[in-house]
Amino acid sequence: EEEMRRYIAENLKYPVVDQENGTQGRVTVRFVVDKTGKIGNVQILKGLSVTCDREAVRVVQSMPNWIPGKNNGVPVNVYFTLPIVFKLRN
C-alpha cells in the first residue's frame, strides 16, 4: 500500500486548469486487481472535476501490475477503493 501511495504521489499530474481555478479535494476511485495482477474496471465513485477525475483514472490505470490477492491459496479478483487527493501547495 505504501508503494502504491508513493507511485501515485510521484506520477499524479495536477491539471493546470484546476490549479488555476483553485480546485481542491478528493476523487474516490474503485478498481479491480484481477487474478493475474492487472488493474482494470477503473470507476469514479466520487468525482471532483472532469479533469481531476480523468487524471485520477489515468494514474490508476498506469500503475504496474500488482501481486494478485489469494483466497485459500487461489488467485482471485480483488476490488480496491482509493481516495486520490488533489491539494494545492501554498
PDB file of N, CA and C in Angstrom:
ATOM      1  N   GLU A   1       0.828  -1.201   0.000  1.00  0.00           N
ATOM      2  CA  GLU A   1       0.000   0.000   0.000  1.00  0.00           C
ATOM      3  C   GLU A   1       0.869   1.260   0.000  1.00  0.00           C
ATOM      4  N   GLU A   2       1.961   1.218   0.754  1.00  0.00           N
ATOM      5  CA  GLU A   2       2.869   2.362   0.791  1.00  0.00           C
ATOM      6  C   GLU A   2       3.469   2.631  -0.581  1.00  0.00           C
ATOM      7  N   GLU A   3       3.853   1.563  -1.277  1.00  0.00           N
ATOM      8  CA  GLU A   3       4.415   1.722  -2.620  1.00  0.00           C
ATOM      9  C   GLU A   3       3.389   2.311  -3.572  1.00  0.00           C
ATOM     10  N   MET A   4       2.120   1.912  -3.434  1.00  0.00           N
ATOM     11  CA  MET A   4       1.062   2.445  -4.283  1.00  0.00           C
ATOM     12  C   MET A   4       0.902   3.940  -4.045  1.00  0.00           C
ATOM     13  N   ARG A   5       0.887   4.358  -2.793  1.00  0.00           N
ATOM     14  CA  ARG A   5       0.747   5.784  -2.480  1.00  0.00           C
ATOM     15  C   ARG A   5       1.935   6.585  -3.016  1.00  0.00           C
ATOM     16  N   ARG A   6       3.136   6.013  -2.893  1.00  0.00           N
ATOM     17  CA  ARG A   6       4.330   6.682  -3.414  1.00  0.00           C
ATOM     18  C   ARG A   6       4.239   6.816  -4.933  1.00  0.00           C
ATOM     19  N   TYR A   7       3.797   5.738  -5.604  1.00  0.00           N
ATOM     20  CA  TYR A   7       3.651   5.759  -7.061  1.00  0.00           C
ATOM     21  C   TYR A   7       2.680   6.864  -7.477  1.00  0.00           C
ATOM     22  N   ILE A   8       1.550   6.950  -6.799  1.00  0.00           N
ATOM     23  CA  ILE A   8       0.551   7.968  -7.144  1.00  0.00           C
ATOM     24  C   ILE A   8       1.122   9.360  -6.907  1.00  0.00           C
ATOM     25  N   ALA A   9       1.775   9.574  -5.772  1.00  0.00           N
ATOM     26  CA  ALA A   9       2.354  10.886  -5.464  1.00  0.00           C
ATOM     27  C   ALA A   9       3.374  11.305  -6.523  1.00  0.00           C
ATOM     28  N   GLU A  10       4.157  10.350  -7.010  1.00  0.00           N
ATOM     29  CA  GLU A  10       5.206  10.668  -7.982  1.00  0.00           C
ATOM     30  C   GLU A  10       4.666  10.831  -9.404  1.00  0.00           C
ATOM     31  N   ASN A  11       3.519  10.252  -9.708  1.00  0.00           N
ATOM     32  CA  ASN A  11       3.024  10.233 -11.085  1.00  0.00           C
ATOM     33  C   ASN A  11       1.760  11.052 -11.328  1.00  0.00           C
ATOM     34  N   LEU A  12       1.122  11.528 -10.270  1.00  0.00           N
ATOM     35  CA  LEU A  12      -0.099  12.317 -10.420  1.00  0.00           C
ATOM     36  C   LEU A  12       0.253  13.710 -10.932  1.00  0.00           C
ATOM     37  N   LYS A  13      -0.420  14.124 -11.987  1.00  0.00           N
ATOM     38  CA  LYS A  13      -0.197  15.456 -12.553  1.00  0.00           C
ATOM     39  C   LYS A  13      -1.446  16.295 -12.289  1.00  0.00           C
ATOM     40  N   TYR A  14      -1.309  17.275 -11.430  1.00  0.00           N
ATOM     41  CA  TYR A  14      -2.434  18.150 -11.081  1.00  0.00           C
ATOM     42  C   TYR A  14      -2.817  18.949 -12.322  1.00  0.00           C
ATOM     43  N   PRO A  15      -4.026  18.808 -12.829  1.00  0.00           N
ATOM     44  CA  PRO A  15      -4.414  19.547 -14.035  1.00  0.00           C
ATOM     45  C   PRO A  15      -4.258  21.061 -13.846  1.00  0.00           C
ATOM     46  N   VAL A  16      -3.614  21.702 -14.818  1.00  0.00           N
ATOM     47  CA  VAL A  16      -3.323  23.138 -14.734  1.00  0.00           C
ATOM     48  C   VAL A  16      -4.602  23.945 -14.566  1.00  0.00           C
ATOM     49  N   VAL A  17      -5.642  23.589 -15.306  1.00  0.00           N
ATOM     50  CA  VAL A  17      -6.898  24.339 -15.223  1.00  0.00           C
ATOM     51  C   VAL A  17      -7.459  24.289 -13.800  1.00  0.00           C
ATOM     52  N   ASP A  18      -7.313  23.163 -13.127  1.00  0.00           N
ATOM     53  CA  ASP A  18      -7.813  23.039 -11.756  1.00  0.00           C
ATOM     54  C   ASP A  18      -6.931  23.814 -10.781  1.00  0.00           C
ATOM     55  N   GLN A  19      -5.631  23.856 -11.041  1.00  0.00           N
ATOM     56  CA  GLN A  19      -4.745  24.672 -10.207  1.00  0.00           C
ATOM     57  C   GLN A  19      -5.131  26.141 -10.334  1.00  0.00           C
ATOM     58  N   GLU A  20      -5.350  26.582 -11.576  1.00  0.00           N
ATOM     59  CA  GLU A  20      -5.709  27.983 -11.814  1.00  0.00           C
ATOM     60  C   GLU A  20      -7.053  28.346 -11.192  1.00  0.00           C
ATOM     61  N   ASN A  21      -7.983  27.391 -11.200  1.00  0.00           N
ATOM     62  CA  ASN A  21      -9.317  27.633 -10.633  1.00  0.00           C
ATOM     63  C   ASN A  21      -9.363  27.422  -9.125  1.00  0.00           C
ATOM     64  N   GLY A  22      -8.272  26.923  -8.545  1.00  0.00           N
ATOM     65  CA  GLY A  22      -8.239  26.666  -7.107  1.00  0.00           C
ATOM     66  C   GLY A  22      -9.020  25.425  -6.693  1.00  0.00           C
ATOM     67  N   THR A  23      -9.233  24.509  -7.641  1.00  0.00           N
ATOM     68  CA  THR A  23      -9.969  23.285  -7.348  1.00  0.00           C
ATOM     69  C   THR A  23      -9.128  22.370  -6.468  1.00  0.00           C
ATOM     70  N   GLN A  24      -9.684  21.977  -5.332  1.00  0.00           N
ATOM     71  CA  GLN A  24      -9.018  21.045  -4.424  1.00  0.00           C
ATOM     72  C   GLN A  24     -10.050  20.050  -3.921  1.00  0.00           C
ATOM     73  N   GLY A  25      -9.574  18.881  -3.549  1.00  0.00           N
ATOM     74  CA  GLY A  25     -10.483  17.896  -2.978  1.00  0.00           C
ATOM     75  C   GLY A  25     -10.024  16.491  -3.275  1.00  0.00           C
ATOM     76  N   ARG A  26     -10.965  15.577  -3.213  1.00  0.00           N
ATOM     77  CA  ARG A  26     -10.665  14.157  -3.302  1.00  0.00           C
ATOM     78  C   ARG A  26     -11.497  13.509  -4.399  1.00  0.00           C
ATOM     79  N   VAL A  27     -10.841  12.651  -5.160  1.00  0.00           N
ATOM     80  CA  VAL A  27     -11.523  11.808  -6.141  1.00  0.00           C
ATOM     81  C   VAL A  27     -11.456  10.390  -5.584  1.00  0.00           C
ATOM     82  N   THR A  28     -12.608   9.738  -5.449  1.00  0.00           N
ATOM     83  CA  THR A  28     -12.630   8.361  -4.957  1.00  0.00           C
ATOM     84  C   THR A  28     -12.779   7.431  -6.151  1.00  0.00           C
ATOM     85  N   VAL A  29     -11.800   6.538  -6.286  1.00  0.00           N
ATOM     86  CA  VAL A  29     -11.718   5.632  -7.425  1.00  0.00           C
ATOM     87  C   VAL A  29     -11.856   4.191  -6.931  1.00  0.00           C
ATOM     88  N   ARG A  30     -12.583   3.384  -7.691  1.00  0.00           N
ATOM     89  CA  ARG A  30     -12.655   1.946  -7.406  1.00  0.00           C
ATOM     90  C   ARG A  30     -12.107   1.204  -8.613  1.00  0.00           C
ATOM     91  N   PHE A  31     -11.338   0.153  -8.330  1.00  0.00           N
ATOM     92  CA  PHE A  31     -10.779  -0.647  -9.408  1.00  0.00           C
ATOM     93  C   PHE A  31     -10.611  -2.077  -8.928  1.00  0.00           C
ATOM     94  N   VAL A  32     -10.368  -2.960  -9.892  1.00  0.00           N
ATOM     95  CA  VAL A  32     -10.165  -4.366  -9.566  1.00  0.00           C
ATOM     96  C   VAL A  32      -8.738  -4.753  -9.941  1.00  0.00           C
ATOM     97  N   VAL A  33      -8.123  -5.530  -9.070  1.00  0.00           N
ATOM     98  CA  VAL A  33      -6.863  -6.201  -9.401  1.00  0.00           C
ATOM     99  C   VAL A  33      -7.269  -7.638  -9.714  1.00  0.00           C
ATOM    100  N   ASP A  34      -7.081  -8.029 -10.987  1.00  0.00           N
ATOM    101  CA  ASP A  34      -7.564  -9.354 -11.376  1.00  0.00           C
ATOM    102  C   ASP A  34      -6.605 -10.467 -10.948  1.00  0.00           C
ATOM    103  N   LYS A  35      -6.964 -11.693 -11.289  1.00  0.00           N
ATOM    104  CA  LYS A  35      -6.209 -12.871 -10.856  1.00  0.00           C
ATOM    105  C   LYS A  35      -4.763 -12.874 -11.346  1.00  0.00           C
ATOM    106  N   THR A  36      -4.489 -12.100 -12.407  1.00  0.00           N
ATOM    107  CA  THR A  36      -3.126 -12.040 -12.949  1.00  0.00           C
ATOM    108  C   THR A  36      -2.357 -10.834 -12.419  1.00  0.00           C
ATOM    109  N   GLY A  37      -3.032  -9.969 -11.633  1.00  0.00           N
ATOM    110  CA  GLY A  37      -2.379  -8.786 -11.081  1.00  0.00           C
ATOM    111  C   GLY A  37      -2.601  -7.520 -11.888  1.00  0.00           C
ATOM    112  N   LYS A  38      -3.343  -7.634 -12.997  1.00  0.00           N
ATOM    113  CA  LYS A  38      -3.610  -6.458 -13.826  1.00  0.00           C
ATOM    114  C   LYS A  38      -4.724  -5.610 -13.211  1.00  0.00           C
ATOM    115  N   ILE A  39      -4.619  -4.300 -13.404  1.00  0.00           N
ATOM    116  CA  ILE A  39      -5.629  -3.369 -12.904  1.00  0.00           C
ATOM    117  C   ILE A  39      -6.657  -3.138 -14.002  1.00  0.00           C
ATOM    118  N   GLY A  40      -7.919  -3.176 -13.635  1.00  0.00           N
ATOM    119  CA  GLY A  40      -8.982  -2.957 -14.612  1.00  0.00           C
ATOM    120  C   GLY A  40     -10.230  -2.417 -13.956  1.00  0.00           C
ATOM    121  N   ASN A  41     -11.240  -2.184 -14.779  1.00  0.00           N
ATOM    122  CA  ASN A  41     -12.554  -1.728 -14.326  1.00  0.00           C
ATOM    123  C   ASN A  41     -12.436  -0.514 -13.399  1.00  0.00           C
ATOM    124  N   VAL A  42     -11.676   0.490 -13.823  1.00  0.00           N
ATOM    125  CA  VAL A  42     -11.477   1.693 -13.013  1.00  0.00           C
ATOM    126  C   VAL A  42     -12.726   2.566 -13.126  1.00  0.00           C
ATOM    127  N   GLN A  43     -13.296   2.923 -11.971  1.00  0.00           N
ATOM    128  CA  GLN A  43     -14.527   3.723 -11.934  1.00  0.00           C
ATOM    129  C   GLN A  43     -14.369   4.860 -10.932  1.00  0.00           C
ATOM    130  N   ILE A  44     -14.988   5.981 -11.242  1.00  0.00           N
ATOM    131  CA  ILE A  44     -15.044   7.105 -10.308  1.00  0.00           C
ATOM    132  C   ILE A  44     -16.283   6.919  -9.438  1.00  0.00           C
ATOM    133  N   LEU A  45     -16.083   6.821  -8.125  1.00  0.00           N
ATOM    134  CA  LEU A  45     -17.223   6.732  -7.205  1.00  0.00           C
ATOM    135  C   LEU A  45     -17.664   8.122  -6.771  1.00  0.00           C
ATOM    136  N   LYS A  46     -16.684   9.010  -6.553  1.00  0.00           N
ATOM    137  CA  LYS A  46     -16.986  10.395  -6.181  1.00  0.00           C
ATOM    138  C   LYS A  46     -15.986  11.275  -6.896  1.00  0.00           C
ATOM    139  N   GLY A  47     -16.484  12.115  -7.769  1.00  0.00           N
ATOM    140  CA  GLY A  47     -15.625  12.959  -8.586  1.00  0.00           C
ATOM    141  C   GLY A  47     -15.412  14.341  -7.998  1.00  0.00           C
ATOM    142  N   LEU A  48     -14.483  15.050  -8.624  1.00  0.00           N
ATOM    143  CA  LEU A  48     -14.149  16.411  -8.212  1.00  0.00           C
ATOM    144  C   LEU A  48     -14.364  17.378  -9.371  1.00  0.00           C
ATOM    145  N   SER A  49     -13.734  17.105 -10.484  1.00  0.00           N
ATOM    146  CA  SER A  49     -13.916  17.855 -11.730  1.00  0.00           C
ATOM    147  C   SER A  49     -13.605  16.897 -12.864  1.00  0.00           C
ATOM    148  N   VAL A  50     -14.024  17.232 -14.057  1.00  0.00           N
ATOM    149  CA  VAL A  50     -13.790  16.338 -15.195  1.00  0.00           C
ATOM    150  C   VAL A  50     -12.301  16.069 -15.358  1.00  0.00           C
ATOM    151  N   THR A  51     -11.478  17.106 -15.245  1.00  0.00           N
ATOM    152  CA  THR A  51     -10.039  16.939 -15.483  1.00  0.00           C
ATOM    153  C   THR A  51      -9.352  16.206 -14.337  1.00  0.00           C
ATOM    154  N   CYS A  52      -9.722  16.476 -13.094  1.00  0.00           N
ATOM    155  CA  CYS A  52      -9.142  15.735 -11.959  1.00  0.00           C
ATOM    156  C   CYS A  52      -9.579  14.275 -12.007  1.00  0.00           C
ATOM    157  N   ASP A  53     -10.848  14.029 -12.342  1.00  0.00           N
ATOM    158  CA  ASP A  53     -11.344  12.655 -12.443  1.00  0.00           C
ATOM    159  C   ASP A  53     -10.565  11.892 -13.509  1.00  0.00           C
ATOM    160  N   ARG A  54     -10.363  12.525 -14.659  1.00  0.00           N
ATOM    161  CA  ARG A  54      -9.638  11.891 -15.760  1.00  0.00           C
ATOM    162  C   ARG A  54      -8.201  11.572 -15.352  1.00  0.00           C
ATOM    163  N   GLU A  55      -7.562  12.492 -14.639  1.00  0.00           N
ATOM    164  CA  GLU A  55      -6.188  12.280 -14.190  1.00  0.00           C
ATOM    165  C   GLU A  55      -6.110  11.163 -13.157  1.00  0.00           C
ATOM    166  N   ALA A  56      -7.080  11.083 -12.264  1.00  0.00           N
ATOM    167  CA  ALA A  56      -7.097  10.001 -11.270  1.00  0.00           C
ATOM    168  C   ALA A  56      -7.204   8.648 -11.961  1.00  0.00           C
ATOM    169  N   VAL A  57      -8.075   8.535 -12.948  1.00  0.00           N
ATOM    170  CA  VAL A  57      -8.224   7.283 -13.699  1.00  0.00           C
ATOM    171  C   VAL A  57      -6.923   6.969 -14.441  1.00  0.00           C
ATOM    172  N   ARG A  58      -6.310   7.979 -15.059  1.00  0.00           N
ATOM    173  CA  ARG A  58      -5.067   7.764 -15.806  1.00  0.00           C
ATOM    174  C   ARG A  58      -3.969   7.202 -14.908  1.00  0.00           C
ATOM    175  N   VAL A  59      -3.788   7.806 -13.732  1.00  0.00           N
ATOM    176  CA  VAL A  59      -2.697   7.372 -12.864  1.00  0.00           C
ATOM    177  C   VAL A  59      -2.949   5.971 -12.304  1.00  0.00           C
ATOM    178  N   VAL A  60      -4.200   5.632 -12.010  1.00  0.00           N
ATOM    179  CA  VAL A  60      -4.509   4.269 -11.530  1.00  0.00           C
ATOM    180  C   VAL A  60      -4.256   3.255 -12.648  1.00  0.00           C
ATOM    181  N   GLN A  61      -4.709   3.581 -13.870  1.00  0.00           N
ATOM    182  CA  GLN A  61      -4.512   2.652 -14.986  1.00  0.00           C
ATOM    183  C   GLN A  61      -3.041   2.478 -15.338  1.00  0.00           C
ATOM    184  N   SER A  62      -2.207   3.457 -15.017  1.00  0.00           N
ATOM    185  CA  SER A  62      -0.788   3.383 -15.364  1.00  0.00           C
ATOM    186  C   SER A  62       0.042   2.627 -14.326  1.00  0.00           C
ATOM    187  N   MET A  63      -0.574   2.253 -13.195  1.00  0.00           N
ATOM    188  CA  MET A  63       0.176   1.542 -12.158  1.00  0.00           C
ATOM    189  C   MET A  63       0.690   0.213 -12.694  1.00  0.00           C
ATOM    190  N   PRO A  64       1.879  -0.195 -12.237  1.00  0.00           N
ATOM    191  CA  PRO A  64       2.383  -1.514 -12.648  1.00  0.00           C
ATOM    192  C   PRO A  64       1.500  -2.622 -12.074  1.00  0.00           C
ATOM    193  N   ASN A  65       1.646  -3.814 -12.634  1.00  0.00           N
ATOM    194  CA  ASN A  65       0.856  -4.951 -12.146  1.00  0.00           C
ATOM    195  C   ASN A  65       1.115  -5.188 -10.664  1.00  0.00           C
ATOM    196  N   TRP A  66       0.090  -5.665  -9.991  1.00  0.00           N
ATOM    197  CA  TRP A  66       0.159  -5.982  -8.577  1.00  0.00           C
ATOM    198  C   TRP A  66       0.388  -7.474  -8.400  1.00  0.00           C
ATOM    199  N   ILE A  67       0.685  -7.867  -7.174  1.00  0.00           N
ATOM    200  CA  ILE A  67       0.664  -9.284  -6.816  1.00  0.00           C
ATOM    201  C   ILE A  67      -0.803  -9.596  -6.529  1.00  0.00           C
ATOM    202  N   PRO A  68      -1.393 -10.556  -7.242  1.00  0.00           N
ATOM    203  CA  PRO A  68      -2.833 -10.793  -7.076  1.00  0.00           C
ATOM    204  C   PRO A  68      -3.185 -11.281  -5.674  1.00  0.00           C
ATOM    205  N   GLY A  69      -4.416 -10.940  -5.263  1.00  0.00           N
ATOM    206  CA  GLY A  69      -4.921 -11.428  -3.989  1.00  0.00           C
ATOM    207  C   GLY A  69      -5.196 -12.921  -4.079  1.00  0.00           C
ATOM    208  N   LYS A  70      -5.173 -13.575  -2.939  1.00  0.00           N
ATOM    209  CA  LYS A  70      -5.429 -15.019  -2.922  1.00  0.00           C
ATOM    210  C   LYS A  70      -6.478 -15.349  -1.869  1.00  0.00           C
ATOM    211  N   ASN A  71      -7.259 -16.366  -2.168  1.00  0.00           N
ATOM    212  CA  ASN A  71      -8.237 -16.908  -1.237  1.00  0.00           C
ATOM    213  C   ASN A  71      -7.991 -18.413  -1.186  1.00  0.00           C
ATOM    214  N   ASN A  72      -7.585 -18.901  -0.030  1.00  0.00           N
ATOM    215  CA  ASN A  72      -7.221 -20.311   0.126  1.00  0.00           C
ATOM    216  C   ASN A  72      -6.137 -20.725  -0.868  1.00  0.00           C
ATOM    217  N   GLY A  73      -5.191 -19.808  -1.108  1.00  0.00           N
ATOM    218  CA  GLY A  73      -4.075 -20.105  -1.992  1.00  0.00           C
ATOM    219  C   GLY A  73      -4.373 -19.975  -3.476  1.00  0.00           C
ATOM    220  N   VAL A  74      -5.611 -19.615  -3.826  1.00  0.00           N
ATOM    221  CA  VAL A  74      -6.010 -19.479  -5.226  1.00  0.00           C
ATOM    222  C   VAL A  74      -6.120 -17.989  -5.565  1.00  0.00           C
ATOM    223  N   PRO A  75      -5.466 -17.528  -6.651  1.00  0.00           N
ATOM    224  CA  PRO A  75      -5.589 -16.121  -7.034  1.00  0.00           C
ATOM    225  C   PRO A  75      -7.043 -15.744  -7.323  1.00  0.00           C
ATOM    226  N   VAL A  76      -7.440 -14.567  -6.826  1.00  0.00           N
ATOM    227  CA  VAL A  76      -8.814 -14.090  -7.013  1.00  0.00           C
ATOM    228  C   VAL A  76      -8.793 -12.608  -7.387  1.00  0.00           C
ATOM    229  N   ASN A  77      -9.898 -12.141  -7.973  1.00  0.00           N
ATOM    230  CA  ASN A  77     -10.062 -10.711  -8.234  1.00  0.00           C
ATOM    231  C   ASN A  77     -10.317  -9.999  -6.914  1.00  0.00           C
ATOM    232  N   VAL A  78      -9.697  -8.829  -6.744  1.00  0.00           N
ATOM    233  CA  VAL A  78      -9.878  -8.052  -5.519  1.00  0.00           C
ATOM    234  C   VAL A  78     -10.227  -6.616  -5.902  1.00  0.00           C
ATOM    235  N   TYR A  79     -11.280  -6.078  -5.297  1.00  0.00           N
ATOM    236  CA  TYR A  79     -11.671  -4.692  -5.535  1.00  0.00           C
ATOM    237  C   TYR A  79     -11.004  -3.785  -4.508  1.00  0.00           C
ATOM    238  N   PHE A  80     -10.570  -2.620  -4.961  1.00  0.00           N
ATOM    239  CA  PHE A  80      -9.980  -1.605  -4.091  1.00  0.00           C
ATOM    240  C   PHE A  80     -10.731  -0.305  -4.283  1.00  0.00           C
ATOM    241  N   THR A  81     -10.906   0.425  -3.194  1.00  0.00           N
ATOM    242  CA  THR A  81     -11.426   1.777  -3.248  1.00  0.00           C
ATOM    243  C   THR A  81     -10.321   2.673  -2.736  1.00  0.00           C
ATOM    244  N   LEU A  82     -10.004   3.703  -3.519  1.00  0.00           N
ATOM    245  CA  LEU A  82      -8.832   4.516  -3.254  1.00  0.00           C
ATOM    246  C   LEU A  82      -9.167   5.998  -3.361  1.00  0.00           C
ATOM    247  N   PRO A  83      -8.925   6.779  -2.299  1.00  0.00           N
ATOM    248  CA  PRO A  83      -9.071   8.226  -2.433  1.00  0.00           C
ATOM    249  C   PRO A  83      -7.783   8.817  -3.010  1.00  0.00           C
ATOM    250  N   ILE A  84      -7.925   9.694  -3.991  1.00  0.00           N
ATOM    251  CA  ILE A  84      -6.791  10.414  -4.554  1.00  0.00           C
ATOM    252  C   ILE A  84      -7.037  11.890  -4.286  1.00  0.00           C
ATOM    253  N   VAL A  85      -6.114  12.495  -3.539  1.00  0.00           N
ATOM    254  CA  VAL A  85      -6.296  13.880  -3.071  1.00  0.00           C
ATOM    255  C   VAL A  85      -5.564  14.844  -3.995  1.00  0.00           C
ATOM    256  N   PHE A  86      -6.287  15.878  -4.395  1.00  0.00           N
ATOM    257  CA  PHE A  86      -5.709  16.983  -5.149  1.00  0.00           C
ATOM    258  C   PHE A  86      -5.686  18.176  -4.199  1.00  0.00           C
ATOM    259  N   LYS A  87      -4.481  18.586  -3.798  1.00  0.00           N
ATOM    260  CA  LYS A  87      -4.333  19.678  -2.837  1.00  0.00           C
ATOM    261  C   LYS A  87      -3.289  20.662  -3.344  1.00  0.00           C
ATOM    262  N   LEU A  88      -3.667  21.919  -3.389  1.00  0.00           N
ATOM    263  CA  LEU A  88      -2.746  22.969  -3.842  1.00  0.00           C
ATOM    264  C   LEU A  88      -1.706  23.227  -2.744  1.00  0.00           C
ATOM    265  N   ARG A  89      -0.487  23.461  -3.182  1.00  0.00           N
ATOM    266  CA  ARG A  89       0.573  23.830  -2.223  1.00  0.00           C
ATOM    267  C   ARG A  89       0.676  25.336  -2.189  1.00  0.00           C
ATOM    268  N   ASN A  90       0.878  25.869  -0.994  1.00  0.00           N
ATOM    269  CA  ASN A  90       0.987  27.326  -0.847  1.00  0.00           C
ATOM    270  C   ASN A  90       2.382  27.795  -1.157  1.00  0.00           C
TER     271      ASN A  90
END
